[in-house]
């Protein structure tokens, strides 16, 4: 069980890093490329949303395991 928790903690950390990257890319799009590249918003937003979902899923499993 302890090994599974450690592996899940690593996965949560990686997912958080990926989430931060995707959020940063969305932020850069908004800050630097609008209004010219407004059509890119849905793809960037979807990638950020999916990264958040992945992190939430992993984090919820970790929380459950630790209880």
N, C-alpha and C. Protein backbone atom coordinates (compact mmCIF):
# COMPACT_ATOMS: atom_id res chain seq x y z
N UNK A 1 0.83 -1.19 0.00
CA UNK A 1 0.00 0.00 0.00
C UNK A 1 0.87 1.26 0.00
N UNK A 2 1.94 1.25 0.79
CA UNK A 2 2.84 2.41 0.87
C UNK A 2 3.48 2.71 -0.49
N UNK A 3 3.86 1.66 -1.20
CA UNK A 3 4.46 1.84 -2.53
C UNK A 3 3.45 2.43 -3.52
N UNK A 4 2.21 1.97 -3.43
CA UNK A 4 1.15 2.49 -4.29
C UNK A 4 0.90 3.98 -4.02
N UNK A 5 0.95 4.35 -2.75
CA UNK A 5 0.77 5.76 -2.39
C UNK A 5 1.91 6.60 -2.96
N UNK A 6 3.13 6.12 -2.85
CA UNK A 6 4.28 6.86 -3.39
C UNK A 6 4.17 7.03 -4.90
N UNK A 7 3.78 5.98 -5.58
CA UNK A 7 3.62 6.06 -7.04
C UNK A 7 2.51 7.04 -7.42
N UNK A 8 1.43 7.02 -6.67
CA UNK A 8 0.32 7.92 -6.94
C UNK A 8 0.71 9.37 -6.62
N UNK A 9 1.50 9.56 -5.58
CA UNK A 9 1.99 10.92 -5.28
C UNK A 9 2.83 11.46 -6.42
N UNK A 10 3.66 10.62 -7.01
CA UNK A 10 4.46 11.04 -8.18
C UNK A 10 3.55 11.39 -9.36
N UNK A 11 2.55 10.56 -9.57
CA UNK A 11 1.62 10.80 -10.68
C UNK A 11 0.85 12.10 -10.47
N UNK A 12 0.44 12.37 -9.24
CA UNK A 12 -0.28 13.62 -8.93
C UNK A 12 0.64 14.80 -9.19
N UNK A 13 1.88 14.68 -8.78
CA UNK A 13 2.85 15.76 -8.99
C UNK A 13 3.07 16.02 -10.48
N UNK A 14 3.22 14.97 -11.25
CA UNK A 14 3.40 15.12 -12.70
C UNK A 14 2.16 15.74 -13.34
N UNK A 15 0.99 15.30 -12.90
CA UNK A 15 -0.25 15.84 -13.44
C UNK A 15 -0.39 17.32 -13.10
N UNK A 16 0.04 17.70 -11.91
CA UNK A 16 -0.01 19.11 -11.49
C UNK A 16 0.94 19.94 -12.36
N UNK A 17 2.12 19.39 -12.66
CA UNK A 17 3.07 20.08 -13.52
C UNK A 17 2.48 20.27 -14.92
N UNK A 18 1.89 19.22 -15.47
CA UNK A 18 1.28 19.29 -16.79
C UNK A 18 0.14 20.31 -16.79
N UNK A 19 -0.67 20.29 -15.74
CA UNK A 19 -1.76 21.25 -15.60
C UNK A 19 -1.21 22.67 -15.62
N UNK A 20 -0.15 22.92 -14.89
CA UNK A 20 0.46 24.26 -14.86
C UNK A 20 0.97 24.67 -16.23
N UNK A 21 1.55 23.73 -16.95
CA UNK A 21 2.03 24.03 -18.31
C UNK A 21 0.87 24.42 -19.22
N UNK A 22 -0.19 23.64 -19.19
CA UNK A 22 -1.35 23.92 -20.05
C UNK A 22 -2.00 25.25 -19.69
N UNK A 23 -2.10 25.52 -18.41
CA UNK A 23 -2.66 26.81 -17.97
C UNK A 23 -1.76 27.96 -18.43
N UNK A 24 -0.46 27.75 -18.37
CA UNK A 24 0.48 28.77 -18.83
C UNK A 24 0.37 29.02 -20.32
N UNK A 25 0.18 27.96 -21.08
CA UNK A 25 0.01 28.11 -22.53
C UNK A 25 -1.26 28.90 -22.86
N UNK A 26 -2.32 28.60 -22.12
CA UNK A 26 -3.58 29.35 -22.31
C UNK A 26 -3.38 30.82 -21.94
N UNK A 27 -2.70 31.04 -20.84
CA UNK A 27 -2.41 32.41 -20.41
C UNK A 27 -1.60 33.16 -21.46
N UNK A 28 -0.56 32.50 -21.99
CA UNK A 28 0.27 33.14 -23.01
C UNK A 28 -0.54 33.48 -24.26
N UNK A 29 -1.42 32.57 -24.64
CA UNK A 29 -2.29 32.84 -25.79
C UNK A 29 -3.10 34.11 -25.54
N UNK A 30 -3.71 34.18 -24.38
CA UNK A 30 -4.56 35.32 -24.06
C UNK A 30 -3.74 36.61 -23.96
N UNK A 31 -2.60 36.54 -23.33
CA UNK A 31 -1.76 37.73 -23.13
C UNK A 31 -1.10 38.21 -24.41
N UNK A 32 -0.60 37.28 -25.20
CA UNK A 32 0.29 37.65 -26.30
C UNK A 32 -0.31 37.58 -27.69
N UNK A 33 -1.34 36.75 -27.87
CA UNK A 33 -1.76 36.47 -29.25
C UNK A 33 -3.19 36.88 -29.57
N UNK A 34 -3.91 37.39 -28.59
CA UNK A 34 -5.27 37.84 -28.89
C UNK A 34 -5.23 39.29 -29.35
N UNK A 35 -6.12 39.70 -30.16
CA UNK A 35 -7.28 38.99 -30.69
C UNK A 35 -6.97 38.18 -31.95
N UNK A 36 -5.77 38.29 -32.49
CA UNK A 36 -5.47 37.67 -33.78
C UNK A 36 -5.74 36.15 -33.79
N UNK A 37 -5.36 35.46 -32.74
CA UNK A 37 -5.47 34.00 -32.72
C UNK A 37 -6.62 33.51 -31.85
N UNK A 38 -7.70 34.25 -31.82
CA UNK A 38 -8.84 33.88 -30.97
C UNK A 38 -9.39 32.50 -31.28
N UNK A 39 -9.22 32.02 -32.51
CA UNK A 39 -9.76 30.70 -32.86
C UNK A 39 -9.00 29.56 -32.17
N UNK A 40 -7.85 29.85 -31.61
CA UNK A 40 -7.08 28.84 -30.88
C UNK A 40 -7.59 28.62 -29.45
N UNK A 41 -8.43 29.51 -28.97
CA UNK A 41 -8.88 29.44 -27.57
C UNK A 41 -9.50 28.08 -27.23
N UNK A 42 -10.44 27.55 -28.02
CA UNK A 42 -11.06 26.28 -27.62
C UNK A 42 -10.06 25.14 -27.43
N UNK A 43 -9.10 25.01 -28.30
CA UNK A 43 -8.12 23.91 -28.18
C UNK A 43 -7.27 24.08 -26.92
N UNK A 44 -6.82 25.29 -26.65
CA UNK A 44 -6.00 25.53 -25.46
C UNK A 44 -6.82 25.34 -24.19
N UNK A 45 -8.06 25.82 -24.20
CA UNK A 45 -8.92 25.67 -23.04
C UNK A 45 -9.24 24.19 -22.79
N UNK A 46 -9.49 23.45 -23.85
CA UNK A 46 -9.78 22.01 -23.72
C UNK A 46 -8.58 21.27 -23.13
N UNK A 47 -7.38 21.59 -23.61
CA UNK A 47 -6.18 20.94 -23.09
C UNK A 47 -6.00 21.25 -21.60
N UNK A 48 -6.23 22.48 -21.21
CA UNK A 48 -6.12 22.86 -19.80
C UNK A 48 -7.19 22.15 -18.97
N UNK A 49 -8.39 22.08 -19.48
CA UNK A 49 -9.49 21.42 -18.79
C UNK A 49 -9.19 19.93 -18.58
N UNK A 50 -8.72 19.28 -19.62
CA UNK A 50 -8.40 17.84 -19.52
C UNK A 50 -7.27 17.60 -18.53
N UNK A 51 -6.29 18.49 -18.50
CA UNK A 51 -5.20 18.37 -17.54
C UNK A 51 -5.72 18.51 -16.11
N UNK A 52 -6.68 19.41 -15.91
CA UNK A 52 -7.30 19.58 -14.60
C UNK A 52 -8.08 18.33 -14.20
N UNK A 53 -8.80 17.78 -15.14
CA UNK A 53 -9.56 16.55 -14.86
C UNK A 53 -8.64 15.41 -14.46
N UNK A 54 -7.54 15.26 -15.18
CA UNK A 54 -6.58 14.19 -14.90
C UNK A 54 -6.00 14.36 -13.50
N UNK A 55 -5.59 15.60 -13.18
CA UNK A 55 -5.05 15.87 -11.85
C UNK A 55 -6.10 15.55 -10.78
N UNK A 56 -7.33 16.01 -10.97
CA UNK A 56 -8.39 15.79 -9.98
C UNK A 56 -8.65 14.30 -9.77
N UNK A 57 -8.67 13.54 -10.85
CA UNK A 57 -8.88 12.10 -10.75
C UNK A 57 -7.78 11.44 -9.92
N UNK A 58 -6.54 11.74 -10.24
CA UNK A 58 -5.41 11.16 -9.52
C UNK A 58 -5.39 11.62 -8.06
N UNK A 59 -5.64 12.90 -7.84
CA UNK A 59 -5.62 13.44 -6.49
C UNK A 59 -6.73 12.83 -5.63
N UNK A 60 -7.89 12.62 -6.22
CA UNK A 60 -8.99 11.98 -5.47
C UNK A 60 -8.63 10.56 -5.09
N UNK A 61 -8.01 9.82 -6.01
CA UNK A 61 -7.60 8.45 -5.69
C UNK A 61 -6.56 8.45 -4.58
N UNK A 62 -5.62 9.39 -4.63
CA UNK A 62 -4.60 9.48 -3.59
C UNK A 62 -5.24 9.79 -2.24
N UNK A 63 -6.15 10.71 -2.22
CA UNK A 63 -6.84 11.06 -0.97
C UNK A 63 -7.57 9.86 -0.40
N UNK A 64 -8.23 9.11 -1.25
CA UNK A 64 -8.94 7.91 -0.80
C UNK A 64 -7.98 6.87 -0.23
N UNK A 65 -6.86 6.68 -0.90
CA UNK A 65 -5.88 5.70 -0.42
C UNK A 65 -5.30 6.07 0.93
N UNK A 66 -5.12 7.36 1.16
CA UNK A 66 -4.52 7.81 2.41
C UNK A 66 -5.48 7.74 3.59
N UNK A 67 -6.74 7.55 3.34
CA UNK A 67 -7.72 7.51 4.44
C UNK A 67 -7.73 6.17 5.12
